[in-house]
C-alpha atoms as a PDB file:
ATOM      1  CA  UNK A   1      -0.008   0.003  -0.203  1.00  0.00           C
ATOM      2  CA  UNK A   2       1.374   3.671  -0.613  1.00  0.00           C
ATOM      3  CA  UNK A   3       2.240   5.950   2.134  1.00  0.00           C
ATOM      4  CA  UNK A   4       0.113   8.767   3.177  1.00  0.00           C
ATOM      5  CA  UNK A   5       2.089  11.231   1.874  1.00  0.00           C
ATOM      6  CA  UNK A   6       1.941   9.940  -2.143  1.00  0.00           C
ATOM      7  CA  UNK A   7       0.413  11.812  -4.522  1.00  0.00           C
ATOM      8  CA  UNK A   8      -2.545   9.206  -4.864  1.00  0.00           C
ATOM      9  CA  UNK A   9      -3.399   9.362  -1.132  1.00  0.00           C
ATOM     10  CA  UNK A  10      -3.057  13.282  -1.379  1.00  0.00           C
ATOM     11  CA  UNK A  11      -5.915  13.188  -3.894  1.00  0.00           C
ATOM     12  CA  UNK A  12      -8.110  10.763  -2.529  1.00  0.00           C
ATOM     13  CA  UNK A  13      -7.749  12.662   0.755  1.00  0.00           C
ATOM     14  CA  UNK A  14      -8.453  16.065  -1.062  1.00  0.00           C
ATOM     15  CA  UNK A  15     -11.642  14.609  -2.984  1.00  0.00           C
ATOM     16  CA  UNK A  16     -12.832  12.877   0.587  1.00  0.00           C
ATOM     17  CA  UNK A  17     -12.436  16.786   1.845  1.00  0.00           C
ATOM     18  CA  UNK A  18     -13.943  18.154  -1.252  1.00  0.00           C
ATOM     19  CA  UNK A  19     -16.859  16.158  -0.577  1.00  0.00           C
ATOM     20  CA  UNK A  20     -17.928  16.796   2.835  1.00  0.00           C
ATOM     21  CA  UNK A  21     -17.788  20.622   2.655  1.00  0.00           C
ATOM     22  CA  UNK A  22     -20.758  21.855   3.416  1.00  0.00           C
ATOM     23  CA  UNK A  23     -22.677  18.449   5.216  1.00  0.00           C
ATOM     24  CA  UNK A  24     -19.597  17.654   7.877  1.00  0.00           C
ATOM     25  CA  UNK A  25     -16.659  19.247   9.567  1.00  0.00           C
ATOM     26  CA  UNK A  26     -13.637  17.037   8.592  1.00  0.00           C
ATOM     27  CA  UNK A  27     -10.896  17.601  11.326  1.00  0.00           C
ATOM     28  CA  UNK A  28      -7.189  16.452  10.279  1.00  0.00           C
ATOM     29  CA  UNK A  29      -7.474  13.750  12.572  1.00  0.00           C
ATOM     30  CA  UNK A  30     -10.832  12.433  10.885  1.00  0.00           C
ATOM     31  CA  UNK A  31      -8.856  12.442   7.573  1.00  0.00           C
ATOM     32  CA  UNK A  32      -6.108  10.410   8.788  1.00  0.00           C
ATOM     33  CA  UNK A  33      -8.911   7.805   9.351  1.00  0.00           C
ATOM     34  CA  UNK A  34      -8.761   7.187   5.826  1.00  0.00           C
ATOM     35  CA  UNK A  35      -5.571   5.287   4.828  1.00  0.00           C
ATOM     36  CA  UNK A  36      -7.220   3.111   2.427  1.00  0.00           C
ATOM     37  CA  UNK A  37      -7.848   6.119  -0.161  1.00  0.00           C
ATOM     38  CA  UNK A  38      -4.311   5.276  -1.368  1.00  0.00           C
ATOM     39  CA  UNK A  39      -4.816   3.379  -4.222  1.00  0.00           C
ATOM     40  CA  UNK A  40      -2.356   2.767  -7.181  1.00  0.00           C
ATOM     41  CA  UNK A  41      -2.544   3.084 -10.811  1.00  0.00           C
ATOM     42  CA  UNK A  42      -3.432   0.367 -13.324  1.00  0.00           C
ATOM     43  CA  UNK A  43      -1.564  -2.068 -14.535  1.00  0.00           C
ATOM     44  CA  UNK A  44       0.234  -1.224 -17.852  1.00  0.00           C
ATOM     45  CA  UNK A  45      -0.490  -2.715 -21.077  1.00  0.00           C
ATOM     46  CA  UNK A  46       3.282  -4.453 -20.663  1.00  0.00           C
ATOM     47  CA  UNK A  47       1.984  -5.850 -16.962  1.00  0.00           C
ATOM     48  CA  UNK A  48      -0.768  -7.143 -18.673  1.00  0.00           C
ATOM     49  CA  UNK A  49       0.796  -8.680 -21.548  1.00  0.00           C
ATOM     50  CA  UNK A  50       2.965 -10.058 -18.998  1.00  0.00           C
ATOM     51  CA  UNK A  51       0.182 -11.549 -16.925  1.00  0.00           C
ATOM     52  CA  UNK A  52      -1.450 -12.996 -19.469  1.00  0.00           C
ATOM     53  CA  UNK A  53       1.452 -15.964 -19.859  1.00  0.00           C
ATOM     54  CA  UNK A  54       1.321 -16.053 -15.892  1.00  0.00           C
ATOM     55  CA  UNK A  55      -2.196 -16.819 -15.748  1.00  0.00           C
ATOM     56  CA  UNK A  56      -2.097 -19.076 -18.008  1.00  0.00           C
ATOM     57  CA  UNK A  57       0.352 -21.341 -16.889  1.00  0.00           C
ATOM     58  CA  UNK A  58      -1.225 -20.990 -13.273  1.00  0.00           C
ATOM     59  CA  UNK A  59      -4.675 -22.043 -14.961  1.00  0.00           C
ATOM     60  CA  UNK A  60      -3.398 -24.871 -16.398  1.00  0.00           C
ATOM     61  CA  UNK A  61      -1.473 -25.948 -12.728  1.00  0.00           C
ATOM     62  CA  UNK A  62      -4.637 -25.275 -11.279  1.00  0.00           C
ATOM     63  CA  UNK A  63      -6.818 -27.489 -13.411  1.00  0.00           C
ATOM     64  CA  UNK A  64      -3.937 -30.291 -14.448  1.00  0.00           C
ATOM     65  CA  UNK A  65      -4.114 -29.609 -18.318  1.00  0.00           C
ATOM     66  CA  UNK A  66      -0.358 -28.957 -18.624  1.00  0.00           C
ATOM     67  CA  UNK A  67      -1.462 -25.849 -21.522  1.00  0.00           C
ATOM     68  CA  UNK A  68       0.274 -23.034 -22.159  1.00  0.00           C
ATOM     69  CA  UNK A  69      -2.081 -21.615 -24.608  1.00  0.00           C
ATOM     70  CA  UNK A  70      -4.675 -19.990 -22.398  1.00  0.00           C
ATOM     71  CA  UNK A  71      -7.125 -22.732 -23.259  1.00  0.00           C
ATOM     72  CA  UNK A  72      -7.934 -24.399 -20.094  1.00  0.00           C
ATOM     73  CA  UNK A  73     -10.064 -27.897 -20.501  1.00  0.00           C
ATOM     74  CA  UNK A  74     -12.842 -28.522 -17.696  1.00  0.00           C
ATOM     75  CA  UNK A  75     -14.137 -31.920 -18.473  1.00  0.00           C
ATOM     76  CA  UNK A  76     -15.191 -31.288 -22.406  1.00  0.00           C
ATOM     77  CA  UNK A  77     -15.644 -27.462 -21.718  1.00  0.00           C
ATOM     78  CA  UNK A  78     -12.507 -25.385 -23.133  1.00  0.00           C
ATOM     79  CA  UNK A  79     -12.235 -22.039 -21.575  1.00  0.00           C
ATOM     80  CA  UNK A  80      -9.748 -19.223 -22.412  1.00  0.00           C
ATOM     81  CA  UNK A  81      -8.773 -17.942 -18.880  1.00  0.00           C
ATOM     82  CA  UNK A  82      -7.368 -14.348 -20.617  1.00  0.00           C
ATOM     83  CA  UNK A  83     -11.315 -13.743 -21.258  1.00  0.00           C
ATOM     84  CA  UNK A  84     -12.670 -14.364 -17.561  1.00  0.00           C
ATOM     85  CA  UNK A  85     -14.260 -11.333 -16.076  1.00  0.00           C
ATOM     86  CA  UNK A  86     -15.184 -10.840 -12.143  1.00  0.00           C
ATOM     87  CA  UNK A  87     -18.499  -8.822 -11.812  1.00  0.00           C
ATOM     88  CA  UNK A  88     -18.818  -7.445  -8.593  1.00  0.00           C
ATOM     89  CA  UNK A  89     -22.432  -5.813  -8.095  1.00  0.00           C
ATOM     90  CA  UNK A  90     -25.750  -5.506  -6.635  1.00  0.00           C
ATOM     91  CA  UNK A  91     -29.135  -6.403  -8.293  1.00  0.00           C
ATOM     92  CA  UNK A  92     -29.070  -4.588 -10.860  1.00  0.00           C
ATOM     93  CA  UNK A  93     -26.283  -7.410 -11.945  1.00  0.00           C
ATOM     94  CA  UNK A  94     -27.878 -10.309  -9.580  1.00  0.00           C
ATOM     95  CA  UNK A  95     -30.994 -10.212 -10.891  1.00  0.00           C
ATOM     96  CA  UNK A  96     -34.546  -8.233  -9.654  1.00  0.00           C
ATOM     97  CA  UNK A  97     -38.243  -7.864 -11.050  1.00  0.00           C
ATOM     98  CA  UNK A  98     -38.279 -11.234 -12.522  1.00  0.00           C
ATOM     99  CA  UNK A  99     -35.083 -10.609 -14.465  1.00  0.00           C
ATOM    100  CA  UNK A 100     -32.721 -13.156 -14.171  1.00  0.00           C
ATOM    101  CA  UNK A 101     -28.943 -12.875 -13.718  1.00  0.00           C
ATOM    102  CA  UNK A 102     -27.547 -13.725 -16.794  1.00  0.00           C
ATOM    103  CA  UNK A 103     -29.706 -11.618 -18.798  1.00  0.00           C
ATOM    104  CA  UNK A 104     -28.789  -8.170 -16.578  1.00  0.00           C
ATOM    105  CA  UNK A 105     -27.457  -5.210 -18.453  1.00  0.00           C
ATOM    106  CA  UNK A 106     -23.807  -6.136 -16.966  1.00  0.00           C
ATOM    107  CA  UNK A 107     -23.949  -9.514 -17.461  1.00  0.00           C
ATOM    108  CA  UNK A 108     -25.246  -9.464 -20.775  1.00  0.00           C
ATOM    109  CA  UNK A 109     -22.860  -6.733 -22.298  1.00  0.00           C
ATOM    110  CA  UNK A 110     -20.068  -8.220 -20.754  1.00  0.00           C
ATOM    111  CA  UNK A 111     -20.700 -11.457 -22.670  1.00  0.00           C
ATOM    112  CA  UNK A 112     -21.333  -9.579 -25.714  1.00  0.00           C
ATOM    113  CA  UNK A 113     -18.056  -7.979 -25.067  1.00  0.00           C
ATOM    114  CA  UNK A 114     -16.538 -11.972 -25.169  1.00  0.00           C
ATOM    115  CA  UNK A 115     -16.086 -12.470 -21.491  1.00  0.00           C
ATOM    116  CA  UNK A 116     -16.646 -15.677 -19.359  1.00  0.00           C
ATOM    117  CA  UNK A 117     -18.060 -14.182 -16.258  1.00  0.00           C
ATOM    118  CA  UNK A 118     -18.022 -14.697 -12.524  1.00  0.00           C
ATOM    119  CA  UNK A 119     -20.494 -12.955 -10.438  1.00  0.00           C
ATOM    120  CA  UNK A 120     -19.836 -11.953  -6.766  1.00  0.00           C
ATOM    121  CA  UNK A 121     -22.505 -10.041  -4.420  1.00  0.00           C
ATOM    122  CA  UNK A 122     -26.312 -10.052  -4.461  1.00  0.00           C
ATOM    123  CA  UNK A 123     -29.346  -7.699  -4.246  1.00  0.00           C
ATOM    124  CA  UNK A 124     -29.131  -5.077  -1.571  1.00  0.00           C
ATOM    125  CA  UNK A 125     -25.717  -4.386  -1.191  1.00  0.00           C
ATOM    126  CA  UNK A 126     -22.792  -2.082  -1.885  1.00  0.00           C
ATOM    127  CA  UNK A 127     -19.762  -0.145  -0.638  1.00  0.00           C
ATOM    128  CA  UNK A 128     -21.616   0.170   2.564  1.00  0.00           C
ATOM    129  CA  UNK A 129     -25.048  -1.582   2.571  1.00  0.00           C
ATOM    130  CA  UNK A 130     -25.528  -4.980   3.331  1.00  0.00           C
ATOM    131  CA  UNK A 131     -28.889  -7.020   2.885  1.00  0.00           C
ATOM    132  CA  UNK A 132     -31.118  -8.296   5.254  1.00  0.00           C
ATOM    133  CA  UNK A 133     -30.687 -11.942   3.980  1.00  0.00           C
ATOM    134  CA  UNK A 134     -26.964 -11.878   5.300  1.00  0.00           C
ATOM    135  CA  UNK A 135     -24.791 -10.577   2.459  1.00  0.00           C
ATOM    136  CA  UNK A 136     -22.255  -8.615   3.267  1.00  0.00           C
ATOM    137  CA  UNK A 137     -21.295  -4.924   1.552  1.00  0.00           C
ATOM    138  CA  UNK A 138     -18.265  -5.447  -0.683  1.00  0.00           C
ATOM    139  CA  UNK A 139     -15.650  -4.695   1.226  1.00  0.00           C
ATOM    140  CA  UNK A 140     -16.686  -6.821   4.532  1.00  0.00           C
ATOM    141  CA  UNK A 141     -17.435  -9.527   1.984  1.00  0.00           C
ATOM    142  CA  UNK A 142     -13.807  -9.280   0.968  1.00  0.00           C
ATOM    143  CA  UNK A 143     -12.208  -9.100   4.254  1.00  0.00           C
ATOM    144  CA  UNK A 144     -14.203 -11.617   5.384  1.00  0.00           C
ATOM    145  CA  UNK A 145     -13.203 -14.074   3.070  1.00  0.00           C
ATOM    146  CA  UNK A 146     -17.146 -14.498   2.289  1.00  0.00           C
ATOM    147  CA  UNK A 147     -16.743 -14.884  -1.240  1.00  0.00           C
ATOM    148  CA  UNK A 148     -15.007 -17.533  -3.492  1.00  0.00           C
ATOM    149  CA  UNK A 149     -12.862 -15.322  -5.139  1.00  0.00           C
ATOM    150  CA  UNK A 150     -11.164 -16.836  -8.414  1.00  0.00           C
ATOM    151  CA  UNK A 151      -7.869 -18.318  -8.288  1.00  0.00           C
ATOM    152  CA  UNK A 152      -7.105 -17.249 -11.449  1.00  0.00           C
ATOM    153  CA  UNK A 153      -6.355 -13.431 -12.140  1.00  0.00           C
ATOM    154  CA  UNK A 154      -9.281 -12.128 -14.168  1.00  0.00           C
ATOM    155  CA  UNK A 155      -8.584 -10.202 -17.382  1.00  0.00           C
ATOM    156  CA  UNK A 156     -11.191  -7.466 -16.249  1.00  0.00           C
ATOM    157  CA  UNK A 157     -13.125  -6.983 -12.917  1.00  0.00           C
ATOM    158  CA  UNK A 158     -16.184  -4.844 -13.047  1.00  0.00           C
ATOM    159  CA  UNK A 159     -17.116  -2.754  -9.619  1.00  0.00           C
ATOM    160  CA  UNK A 160     -20.734  -1.990  -9.995  1.00  0.00           C
ATOM    161  CA  UNK A 161     -22.914  -0.371  -7.202  1.00  0.00           C
ATOM    162  CA  UNK A 162     -23.863   2.847  -4.988  1.00  0.00           C
ATOM    163  CA  UNK A 163     -27.082   2.484  -5.486  1.00  0.00           C
ATOM    164  CA  UNK A 164     -28.429   0.671  -2.337  1.00  0.00           C
ATOM    165  CA  UNK A 165     -25.941   2.856  -0.410  1.00  0.00           C
ATOM    166  CA  UNK A 166     -27.874   5.731  -1.593  1.00  0.00           C
ATOM    167  CA  UNK A 167     -30.909   4.189  -0.466  1.00  0.00           C
ATOM    168  CA  UNK A 168     -29.988   3.730   3.213  1.00  0.00           C
ATOM    169  CA  UNK A 169     -28.711   7.113   3.176  1.00  0.00           C
ATOM    170  CA  UNK A 170     -24.690   6.385   3.665  1.00  0.00           C
ATOM    171  CA  UNK A 171     -22.794   9.583   3.681  1.00  0.00           C
ATOM    172  CA  UNK A 172     -20.235  10.670   1.166  1.00  0.00           C
ATOM    173  CA  UNK A 173     -17.358   9.447   3.467  1.00  0.00           C
ATOM    174  CA  UNK A 174     -18.719   6.453   4.213  1.00  0.00           C
ATOM    175  CA  UNK A 175     -18.788   5.421   0.160  1.00  0.00           C
ATOM    176  CA  UNK A 176     -15.539   6.502  -0.772  1.00  0.00           C
ATOM    177  CA  UNK A 177     -14.396   4.727   2.242  1.00  0.00           C
ATOM    178  CA  UNK A 178     -16.101   1.543   1.073  1.00  0.00           C
ATOM    179  CA  UNK A 179     -15.167   1.794  -2.325  1.00  0.00           C
ATOM    180  CA  UNK A 180     -11.391   2.719  -1.425  1.00  0.00           C
ATOM    181  CA  UNK A 181     -11.469  -0.569   0.344  1.00  0.00           C
ATOM    182  CA  UNK A 182     -13.183  -2.395  -2.260  1.00  0.00           C
ATOM    183  CA  UNK A 183     -10.835  -1.710  -4.889  1.00  0.00           C
ATOM    184  CA  UNK A 184      -8.009  -1.911  -2.544  1.00  0.00           C
ATOM    185  CA  UNK A 185      -8.466  -5.389  -1.796  1.00  0.00           C
ATOM    186  CA  UNK A 186      -8.722  -6.224  -5.475  1.00  0.00           C
ATOM    187  CA  UNK A 187      -5.596  -4.390  -6.454  1.00  0.00           C
ATOM    188  CA  UNK A 188      -3.981  -6.345  -4.157  1.00  0.00           C
ATOM    189  CA  UNK A 189      -5.534  -9.308  -4.763  1.00  0.00           C
ATOM    190  CA  UNK A 190      -4.947  -9.006  -8.821  1.00  0.00           C
ATOM    191  CA  UNK A 191      -2.348  -6.562  -9.071  1.00  0.00           C
ATOM    192  CA  UNK A 192      -2.545  -7.420 -12.696  1.00  0.00           C
ATOM    193  CA  UNK A 193      -5.870  -7.552 -13.631  1.00  0.00           C
ATOM    194  CA  UNK A 194      -7.747  -4.493 -15.415  1.00  0.00           C
ATOM    195  CA  UNK A 195     -10.546  -2.873 -13.198  1.00  0.00           C
ATOM    196  CA  UNK A 196     -13.420  -1.091 -14.285  1.00  0.00           C
ATOM    197  CA  UNK A 197     -16.066   0.990 -12.038  1.00  0.00           C
ATOM    198  CA  UNK A 198     -19.868   1.058 -13.091  1.00  0.00           C
ATOM    199  CA  UNK A 199     -21.839   3.552 -11.384  1.00  0.00           C
ATOM    200  CA  UNK A 200     -25.221   3.981  -9.785  1.00  0.00           C
ATOM    201  CA  UNK A 201     -28.769   3.735 -12.281  1.00  0.00           C
ATOM    202  CA  UNK A 202     -31.330   6.580 -11.510  1.00  0.00           C
ATOM    203  CA  UNK A 203     -35.041   6.206 -12.422  1.00  0.00           C
ATOM    204  CA  UNK A 204     -35.718   9.867 -12.105  1.00  0.00           C
ATOM    205  CA  UNK A 205     -33.603  13.195 -10.792  1.00  0.00           C
ATOM    206  CA  UNK A 206     -36.147  13.592  -7.998  1.00  0.00           C
ATOM    207  CA  UNK A 207     -36.451  12.067  -4.471  1.00  0.00           C
ATOM    208  CA  UNK A 208     -33.862   9.178  -3.838  1.00  0.00           C
ATOM    209  CA  UNK A 209     -33.506   9.306  -7.713  1.00  0.00           C
ATOM    210  CA  UNK A 210     -31.541  12.326  -7.272  1.00  0.00           C
ATOM    211  CA  UNK A 211     -29.167  11.082  -4.350  1.00  0.00           C
ATOM    212  CA  UNK A 212     -28.368   7.914  -6.769  1.00  0.00           C
ATOM    213  CA  UNK A 213     -27.291  10.722  -9.145  1.00  0.00           C
ATOM    214  CA  UNK A 214     -25.168  12.248  -6.476  1.00  0.00           C
ATOM    215  CA  UNK A 215     -23.617   8.971  -5.387  1.00  0.00           C
ATOM    216  CA  UNK A 216     -22.812   8.227  -9.123  1.00  0.00           C
ATOM    217  CA  UNK A 217     -21.092  11.343  -9.622  1.00  0.00           C
ATOM    218  CA  UNK A 218     -19.011  10.679  -6.509  1.00  0.00           C
ATOM    219  CA  UNK A 219     -18.208   7.428  -7.780  1.00  0.00           C
ATOM    220  CA  UNK A 220     -16.874   8.750 -10.963  1.00  0.00           C
ATOM    221  CA  UNK A 221     -14.411  11.546  -9.423  1.00  0.00           C
ATOM    222  CA  UNK A 222     -12.994   9.217  -7.351  1.00  0.00           C
ATOM    223  CA  UNK A 223     -11.999   6.546 -10.028  1.00  0.00           C
ATOM    224  CA  UNK A 224     -10.386   9.249 -12.216  1.00  0.00           C
ATOM    225  CA  UNK A 225      -8.569  10.249  -9.198  1.00  0.00           C
ATOM    226  CA  UNK A 226      -7.337   6.754  -8.803  1.00  0.00           C
ATOM    227  CA  UNK A 227      -7.080   6.305 -12.449  1.00  0.00           C
ATOM    228  CA  UNK A 228      -9.314   3.583 -12.706  1.00  0.00           C
ATOM    229  CA  UNK A 229     -11.972   3.649 -16.011  1.00  0.00           C
ATOM    230  CA  UNK A 230     -15.694   4.417 -14.787  1.00  0.00           C
ATOM    231  CA  UNK A 231     -19.224   4.354 -16.653  1.00  0.00           C
ATOM    232  CA  UNK A 232     -21.012   6.982 -15.357  1.00  0.00           C
ATOM    233  CA  UNK A 233     -24.672   5.598 -15.663  1.00  0.00           C
ATOM    234  CA  UNK A 234     -26.538   8.295 -13.229  1.00  0.00           C
ATOM    235  CA  UNK A 235     -28.865   9.680 -16.305  1.00  0.00           C
ATOM    236  CA  UNK A 236     -28.733   6.719 -18.363  1.00  0.00           C
ATOM    237  CA  UNK A 237     -32.709   6.313 -17.763  1.00  0.00           C
ATOM    238  CA  UNK A 238     -33.601   9.292 -18.577  1.00  0.00           C
ATOM    239  CA  UNK A 239     -31.190   9.735 -21.654  1.00  0.00           C
ATOM    240  CA  UNK A 240     -32.245   6.675 -23.239  1.00  0.00           C
ATOM    241  CA  UNK A 241     -36.168   7.273 -22.207  1.00  0.00           C
ATOM    242  CA  UNK A 242     -36.299   3.802 -20.064  1.00  0.00           C
ATOM    243  CA  UNK A 243     -38.927   5.208 -17.780  1.00  0.00           C
ATOM    244  CA  UNK A 244     -41.542   3.039 -19.420  1.00  0.00           C
ATOM    245  CA  UNK A 245     -39.707  -0.272 -18.901  1.00  0.00           C
ATOM    246  CA  UNK A 246     -38.986   0.141 -15.399  1.00  0.00           C
ATOM    247  CA  UNK A 247     -40.561  -2.312 -13.249  1.00  0.00           C
ATOM    248  CA  UNK A 248     -40.156  -0.576 -10.242  1.00  0.00           C
ATOM    249  CA  UNK A 249     -38.772   2.874  -9.056  1.00  0.00           C
ATOM    250  CA  UNK A 250     -34.959   1.473  -9.364  1.00  0.00           C
ATOM    251  CA  UNK A 251     -35.121  -2.036 -11.518  1.00  0.00           C
ATOM    252  CA  UNK A 252     -35.367  -2.393 -14.978  1.00  0.00           C
ATOM    253  CA  UNK A 253     -37.844  -5.009 -17.156  1.00  0.00           C
ATOM    254  CA  UNK A 254     -36.174  -7.377 -19.181  1.00  0.00           C
ATOM    255  CA  UNK A 255     -36.503  -4.783 -22.010  1.00  0.00           C
ATOM    256  CA  UNK A 256     -34.742  -2.051 -20.123  1.00  0.00           C
ATOM    257  CA  UNK A 257     -31.822  -4.737 -19.378  1.00  0.00           C
ATOM    258  CA  UNK A 258     -31.487  -5.338 -23.270  1.00  0.00           C
ATOM    259  CA  UNK A 259     -31.481  -1.392 -24.206  1.00  0.00           C
ATOM    260  CA  UNK A 260     -28.643  -1.176 -21.701  1.00  0.00           C
ATOM    261  CA  UNK A 261     -26.762  -4.065 -22.404  1.00  0.00           C
ATOM    262  CA  UNK A 262     -26.337  -2.952 -25.924  1.00  0.00           C
ATOM    263  CA  UNK A 263     -25.182   0.347 -24.357  1.00  0.00           C
ATOM    264  CA  UNK A 264     -22.679  -1.143 -21.682  1.00  0.00           C
ATOM    265  CA  UNK A 265     -21.661  -3.312 -24.732  1.00  0.00           C
ATOM    266  CA  UNK A 266     -20.428   0.208 -26.886  1.00  0.00           C
ATOM    267  CA  UNK A 267     -18.902   1.677 -23.855  1.00  0.00           C
ATOM    268  CA  UNK A 268     -16.649  -1.130 -23.111  1.00  0.00           C
ATOM    269  CA  UNK A 269     -15.824  -1.134 -26.856  1.00  0.00           C
ATOM    270  CA  UNK A 270     -14.932   2.690 -26.959  1.00  0.00           C
ATOM    271  CA  UNK A 271     -12.598   1.774 -23.480  1.00  0.00           C
ATOM    272  CA  UNK A 272     -11.285  -0.810 -25.268  1.00  0.00           C
ATOM    273  CA  UNK A 273     -12.266  -3.164 -22.937  1.00  0.00           C
ATOM    274  CA  UNK A 274     -13.538  -5.811 -24.879  1.00  0.00           C
ATOM    275  CA  UNK A 275     -11.703  -9.312 -24.337  1.00  0.00           C
ATOM    276  CA  UNK A 276     -10.381  -9.040 -27.413  1.00  0.00           C
ATOM    277  CA  UNK A 277      -8.757  -5.510 -27.247  1.00  0.00           C
ATOM    278  CA  UNK A 278      -7.669  -5.951 -24.024  1.00  0.00           C
ATOM    279  CA  UNK A 279      -5.670  -9.255 -24.237  1.00  0.00           C
ATOM    280  CA  UNK A 280      -3.973  -7.286 -27.277  1.00  0.00           C
ATOM    281  CA  UNK A 281      -2.961  -4.618 -25.972  1.00  0.00           C
END
């Protein structure tokens, strides 16, 4: 982890202070309670290219295949381990309102971009929020080893969320700390993987929707500070005329998921984060 005097820490600390101005008083001692806001830069293309070969070798060792081609044989199924995406998220990715997880806009887009997906998370969770069924928030699930993380470094790690944190009234400081702890843990576990953060959908710009849009912007600013690509989704429902395709105030119907799947697929291509583009970088 970087030292508190590093450029990354100072930038993240400044973001935390700026987001709290006018709402809470932040003392120097309080700022010192956020050492995990220091996050390293994403892996370079050279690091990812070097990691591809080590990932393939690890996969072959794990599966006992002896393969060094990147194609691991699991029974009769052949999996290119360089095209694995780890997706962490809430009900937008897990499925809700009669939409199954594998047909949500995030999972469908990643599949369309050429990835084999491993999903971790649950509805009602987030960077701060845990759900009533016992599923923990993202940083706690990582700390307490509640998730069966892949033994192979994924090519891409996508962290989607923030909506439930808005719903429970989590503060900006709490959300930033939870996001930083989540990203730090993932970077420590998978230093060669490319990270992507996906923001918070809002059904409207009023009531709870306004807070969701604010959380989306907060996470976007944080992602830019730590040099992690970010897909802002706060205005997508309005921008793509999906009000009539909402199952409730926060969840889409299947038709709505299909629309946003195409949008996210395009964003992944624009960011050079499709499986083919990422592997070849």
